[in-house]
Protein backbone atom coordinates (compact mmCIF):
# COMPACT_ATOMS: atom_id res chain seq x y z
CA MET A 1 83.99 130.39 -19.11
CA SER A 2 85.75 133.61 -18.25
CA LEU A 3 88.77 135.29 -19.78
CA ILE A 4 91.93 136.04 -17.85
CA ASP A 5 94.95 138.22 -18.54
CA PHE A 6 97.66 135.70 -19.34
CA ASN A 7 100.79 137.84 -19.42
CA GLY A 8 99.03 140.45 -21.55
CA ILE A 9 97.06 137.97 -23.66
CA SER A 10 93.34 137.46 -23.10
CA VAL A 11 92.64 133.71 -22.92
CA PRO A 12 89.94 131.52 -21.37
CA ASN A 13 90.53 130.14 -17.90
CA ILE A 14 89.56 126.64 -19.08
CA GLY A 15 91.52 124.97 -21.87
CA ILE A 16 91.80 121.48 -23.32
CA GLY A 17 94.30 118.84 -22.24
CA THR A 18 95.19 116.05 -24.66
CA TRP A 19 97.34 113.53 -22.78
CA HIS A 20 96.48 109.90 -23.64
CA MET A 21 94.60 111.04 -26.75
CA GLY A 22 95.28 110.21 -30.38
CA SER A 23 96.84 106.75 -30.22
CA ASP A 24 93.68 104.64 -30.16
CA SER A 25 92.37 104.49 -33.73
CA SER A 26 88.96 103.29 -32.56
CA ASN A 27 88.45 106.57 -30.67
CA TYR A 28 90.31 108.89 -33.03
CA GLU A 29 87.35 110.56 -34.74
CA ARG A 30 85.49 110.99 -31.46
CA ASP A 31 88.48 112.57 -29.75
CA ARG A 32 89.22 114.85 -32.71
CA ASP A 33 85.61 116.02 -32.85
CA VAL A 34 85.52 116.70 -29.09
CA ILE A 35 88.59 118.94 -29.35
CA THR A 36 87.11 120.81 -32.31
CA TYR A 37 83.80 121.14 -30.45
CA GLY A 38 85.57 122.59 -27.42
CA ILE A 39 87.39 125.16 -29.52
CA GLN A 40 84.15 126.15 -31.24
CA HIS A 41 82.60 126.72 -27.80
CA GLY A 42 85.41 128.93 -26.57
CA ALA A 43 88.02 126.59 -25.07
CA ASN A 44 90.72 127.73 -27.46
CA VAL A 45 93.77 126.96 -25.30
CA ILE A 46 95.05 123.55 -26.41
CA ASP A 47 97.81 121.76 -24.51
CA THR A 48 99.79 118.90 -26.02
CA ALA A 49 103.37 117.57 -26.14
CA GLU A 50 105.74 115.57 -28.29
CA MET A 51 105.74 112.98 -25.50
CA TYR A 52 101.98 112.33 -25.66
CA GLY A 53 101.64 109.14 -27.66
CA SER A 54 105.06 109.82 -29.20
CA GLY A 55 103.50 112.54 -31.33
CA ASP A 56 100.05 111.00 -31.80
CA SER A 57 98.41 113.68 -29.66
CA GLU A 58 99.96 116.44 -31.76
CA LEU A 59 98.71 114.77 -34.95
CA LEU A 60 95.23 114.58 -33.45
CA VAL A 61 95.29 118.26 -32.45
CA GLY A 62 96.56 119.23 -35.89
CA ASP A 63 93.61 117.41 -37.41
CA ALA A 64 91.16 118.96 -34.93
CA ILE A 65 92.22 122.55 -35.69
CA LYS A 66 92.30 122.07 -39.45
CA GLY A 67 90.08 124.65 -41.14
CA LEU A 68 89.71 126.76 -37.99
CA ASP A 69 91.07 130.27 -37.55
CA ARG A 70 94.60 129.55 -36.32
CA ASP A 71 95.06 133.07 -34.93
CA LYS A 72 92.20 132.47 -32.51
CA ILE A 73 93.77 129.31 -31.06
CA PHE A 74 96.41 129.40 -28.32
CA LEU A 75 98.46 126.30 -29.07
CA ILE A 76 100.87 124.84 -26.52
CA SER A 77 103.31 121.98 -26.94
CA LYS A 78 106.28 120.71 -24.95
CA PHE A 79 109.71 119.25 -25.62
CA TYR A 80 111.63 116.44 -23.91
CA PRO A 81 114.57 117.33 -21.63
CA ASN A 82 116.96 115.51 -23.99
CA ASN A 83 115.90 117.99 -26.68
CA ALA A 84 116.73 121.04 -24.56
CA ILE A 85 119.75 122.20 -26.61
CA GLU A 86 120.58 122.47 -30.29
CA PRO A 87 120.44 120.85 -32.71
CA ASN A 88 117.85 118.69 -30.96
CA LEU A 89 115.62 121.59 -29.92
CA SER A 90 115.03 122.87 -33.45
CA ARG A 91 114.45 119.33 -34.69
CA ALA A 92 111.94 118.70 -31.92
CA LEU A 93 110.11 121.93 -32.66
CA ASP A 94 110.03 121.29 -36.39
CA GLY A 95 108.60 117.83 -35.70
CA SER A 96 105.87 119.26 -33.49
CA LEU A 97 105.03 121.97 -36.02
CA LYS A 98 104.78 119.40 -38.80
CA ARG A 99 102.50 117.12 -36.78
CA LEU A 100 100.35 120.07 -35.70
CA ASP A 101 100.32 121.40 -39.28
CA THR A 102 101.11 124.93 -38.18
CA ASP A 103 103.88 127.48 -38.72
CA TYR A 104 104.25 128.49 -35.09
CA LEU A 105 103.43 127.66 -31.50
CA ASP A 106 101.93 130.22 -29.17
CA LEU A 107 103.77 128.62 -26.26
CA TYR A 108 106.60 126.07 -26.13
CA LEU A 109 107.26 124.44 -22.76
CA TYR A 110 110.32 122.67 -21.37
CA HIS A 111 108.41 119.56 -20.25
CA TRP A 112 110.49 118.84 -17.16
CA ARG A 113 113.92 119.78 -15.89
CA GLY A 114 116.80 117.89 -17.43
CA SER A 115 120.56 118.05 -17.14
CA GLU A 116 121.28 120.70 -19.77
CA PRO A 117 122.34 124.16 -18.54
CA LEU A 118 119.33 126.45 -18.29
CA ASP A 119 121.19 129.39 -19.81
CA LYS A 120 121.79 127.45 -23.04
CA THR A 121 118.18 126.30 -23.28
CA VAL A 122 116.85 129.81 -22.65
CA ALA A 123 119.21 131.31 -25.24
CA GLU A 124 118.06 128.83 -27.85
CA LEU A 125 114.38 129.34 -27.02
CA GLU A 126 114.90 133.07 -27.43
CA THR A 127 116.42 132.43 -30.87
CA LEU A 128 113.41 130.34 -31.88
CA LYS A 129 111.17 133.17 -30.70
CA GLN A 130 113.09 135.67 -32.80
CA LYS A 131 112.66 133.39 -35.82
CA GLY A 132 108.88 133.45 -35.29
CA LYS A 133 108.57 129.70 -34.73
CA ILE A 134 107.34 130.24 -31.19
CA ARG A 135 105.69 133.30 -29.70
CA HIS A 136 106.48 132.52 -26.09
CA TRP A 137 108.32 129.89 -24.07
CA GLY A 138 107.80 128.50 -20.60
CA VAL A 139 108.43 125.52 -18.37
CA SER A 140 106.54 122.61 -16.85
CA ASN A 141 107.06 120.59 -13.68
CA PHE A 142 109.47 123.20 -12.28
CA ASP A 143 109.62 123.75 -8.51
CA ILE A 144 110.61 126.96 -6.74
CA ASP A 145 114.36 126.23 -6.78
CA ASP A 146 114.19 125.62 -10.53
CA MET A 147 112.24 128.82 -11.09
CA GLN A 148 114.62 130.91 -9.01
CA GLU A 149 117.57 129.54 -10.96
CA LEU A 150 115.74 130.10 -14.24
CA VAL A 151 115.03 133.79 -13.72
CA GLY A 152 118.67 134.31 -12.79
CA VAL A 153 120.06 133.34 -16.20
CA PRO A 154 120.16 135.79 -19.14
CA ASN A 155 116.62 136.31 -20.51
CA GLY A 156 115.28 133.82 -17.97
CA LYS A 157 112.76 136.41 -16.83
CA ASN A 158 111.09 136.05 -20.23
CA VAL A 159 109.56 132.78 -19.00
CA PHE A 160 105.85 133.01 -19.80
CA THR A 161 104.35 130.44 -17.44
CA ASN A 162 104.95 127.32 -15.39
CA GLU A 163 102.67 124.30 -15.85
CA ASP A 164 102.36 122.07 -12.80
CA LEU A 165 100.11 119.41 -11.31
CA TYR A 166 97.54 121.25 -9.18
CA ASN A 167 94.13 120.44 -7.78
CA MET A 168 92.49 120.46 -4.36
CA GLY A 169 93.93 117.03 -3.60
CA VAL A 170 97.45 118.13 -4.59
CA ARG A 171 98.12 121.55 -3.06
CA GLY A 172 101.85 121.37 -2.37
CA ILE A 173 102.76 124.25 -4.69
CA GLU A 174 100.75 126.63 -2.51
CA TYR A 175 103.41 126.60 0.20
CA SER A 176 106.20 128.42 -1.66
CA LEU A 177 106.04 128.03 -5.44
CA LEU A 178 102.64 129.58 -6.08
CA PRO A 179 103.25 132.63 -3.85
CA TRP A 180 106.58 133.13 -5.64
CA GLN A 181 104.89 132.97 -9.04
CA ARG A 182 102.25 135.47 -7.94
CA LYS A 183 104.95 137.83 -6.66
CA HIS A 184 106.65 137.63 -10.05
CA ASN A 185 103.38 137.93 -12.02
CA LEU A 186 103.92 134.50 -13.51
CA PRO A 187 100.63 132.70 -14.23
CA LEU A 188 100.07 129.01 -13.64
CA ILE A 189 98.79 126.34 -15.99
CA ALA A 190 97.25 123.57 -13.87
CA TYR A 191 97.29 120.07 -15.31
CA ALA A 192 95.11 117.26 -13.93
CA PRO A 193 92.83 119.85 -12.26
CA MET A 194 90.20 117.17 -11.65
CA ASP A 195 92.73 114.72 -10.22
CA GLU A 196 92.48 112.58 -13.36
CA GLY A 197 88.81 111.91 -12.73
CA ASP A 198 89.51 111.44 -9.03
CA SER A 199 91.56 108.35 -9.89
CA ARG A 200 94.55 109.27 -7.72
CA HIS A 201 93.00 108.11 -4.44
CA HIS A 202 92.10 111.47 -2.90
CA ASN A 203 88.39 110.51 -2.73
CA ILE A 204 87.33 113.96 -3.87
CA GLU A 205 84.25 112.96 -5.81
CA ARG A 206 82.65 111.27 -2.80
CA ASN A 207 83.55 114.01 -0.31
CA SER A 208 80.40 115.24 1.44
CA VAL A 209 81.68 118.83 1.74
CA LEU A 210 82.28 119.09 -1.98
CA GLN A 211 78.93 117.52 -2.71
CA LYS A 212 77.33 120.19 -0.52
CA VAL A 213 79.14 122.96 -2.42
CA ALA A 214 78.17 121.36 -5.74
CA ASP A 215 74.52 121.11 -4.72
CA LYS A 216 74.54 124.75 -3.62
CA HIS A 217 75.67 125.85 -7.09
CA ASN A 218 73.65 123.18 -8.92
CA VAL A 219 76.78 121.81 -10.57
CA SER A 220 78.86 118.62 -10.38
CA VAL A 221 81.71 117.99 -7.96
CA TYR A 222 84.10 117.98 -10.92
CA GLN A 223 82.93 121.45 -11.90
CA VAL A 224 83.59 122.61 -8.34
CA MET A 225 87.09 121.15 -8.61
CA LEU A 226 87.70 123.17 -11.76
CA ALA A 227 86.24 126.36 -10.33
CA TRP A 228 88.43 125.98 -7.25
CA THR A 229 91.59 125.47 -9.31
CA ILE A 230 91.10 128.75 -11.22
CA ARG A 231 89.80 130.77 -8.27
CA ASP A 232 92.77 133.18 -8.22
CA LYS A 233 91.97 134.46 -11.74
CA ASN A 234 95.60 133.90 -12.72
CA THR A 235 95.41 130.21 -13.59
CA ILE A 236 94.43 128.24 -16.68
CA ALA A 237 93.13 124.72 -16.02
CA ILE A 238 93.50 122.16 -18.80
CA PRO A 239 91.12 119.29 -18.08
CA GLN A 240 90.93 116.43 -20.54
CA THR A 241 87.71 114.87 -21.75
CA THR A 242 86.50 112.66 -24.58
CA SER A 243 82.85 113.70 -24.16
CA LYS A 244 81.14 116.72 -25.70
CA LYS A 245 78.83 116.97 -22.70
CA HIS A 246 81.75 117.00 -20.28
CA MET A 247 83.49 119.54 -22.51
CA LEU A 248 80.54 121.90 -22.09
CA ASP A 249 80.51 121.19 -18.35
CA ASN A 250 84.21 122.05 -18.15
CA ILE A 251 83.69 125.30 -20.03
CA ALA A 252 80.72 126.22 -17.82
CA ALA A 253 82.85 125.67 -14.70
CA GLY A 254 84.89 128.70 -15.72
CA LYS A 255 81.99 130.94 -14.67
CA ILE A 256 81.31 129.39 -11.26
CA LYS A 257 82.04 131.84 -8.43
CA LEU A 258 82.92 130.12 -5.18
CA ASP A 259 82.28 132.36 -2.17
CA LYS A 260 84.18 132.57 1.11
CA ASP A 261 81.99 129.95 2.79
CA ASP A 262 82.62 127.54 -0.07
CA LEU A 263 86.38 128.08 0.08
CA ASP A 264 86.47 127.77 3.86
CA MET A 265 84.66 124.44 3.72
CA ILE A 266 86.96 123.17 1.00
CA ASN A 267 90.04 124.25 2.96
CA THR A 268 88.79 122.29 5.94
CA ALA A 269 88.22 119.17 3.87
CA PHE A 270 91.41 119.55 1.84
CA PRO A 271 93.85 121.64 3.91
CA ALA A 272 96.49 123.88 2.43
CA PRO A 273 100.08 122.73 3.05
CA ASN A 274 101.88 123.95 6.17
CA HIS A 275 105.36 122.84 5.08
CA LYS A 276 107.38 122.33 1.91
CA THR A 277 106.89 119.03 0.11
CA PRO A 278 108.50 117.59 -3.03
CA LEU A 279 106.84 118.72 -6.25
CA ASP A 280 104.05 116.35 -7.28
CA ILE A 281 104.38 115.12 -10.85
CA ILE A 282 102.36 112.70 -12.96
């Protein structure tokens, strides 16, 4: 994988997603060991949330990072919209920290936009940052209107990142949101970068153009999907896997360099948007 400048912090461009992990006891040890294995091989950005398995994912991650150098792990979690103001926000954070068995989060994300005033949520996140419980805060599933409102409230410009659904089958954010984030030097975290194993009916895996690109680079179509997602060098992709082999494949995808011919072919097969569409969310 390669490292990128993530708002002044050097992190890998491929991290580890953990949605749907931790709740199945029959797969617990396997999933824990895969996360640990990924970290040991350089994928030290870990993304989880209090929502995932109602805390089970955080417990799994806490177990997976036990005994590792915490300062070398970039740990992300997220809070529910109904926890966006005090006293719920501190309670939610304390619960996540306890499950993750850590004293702080590197990044705490507002999971999706709720009804609470953004200025109150930002003020309380800034307080948690000052207390050392979180190092940075950001948002998830925010569209351009949300982001523009966010940076207009006091300290809203301290937002560290926005995490959205993004892959070559779901390119809607390229029309206005992604250019806006680039203009404001706000990096993207892309979830479901492989379209959830191509399970969302975009027929990416069987696309002949992508197979041609994959053959050219002697990699899999899924690795091409990852390489495409991080092509701007300002994006972290957080694929999820329960396989050590696939974990290594994901990490290796961070070094694939797609050339202009590759990108042109992909754009023909999966065109960029030419109008604004509602934000895609899983």
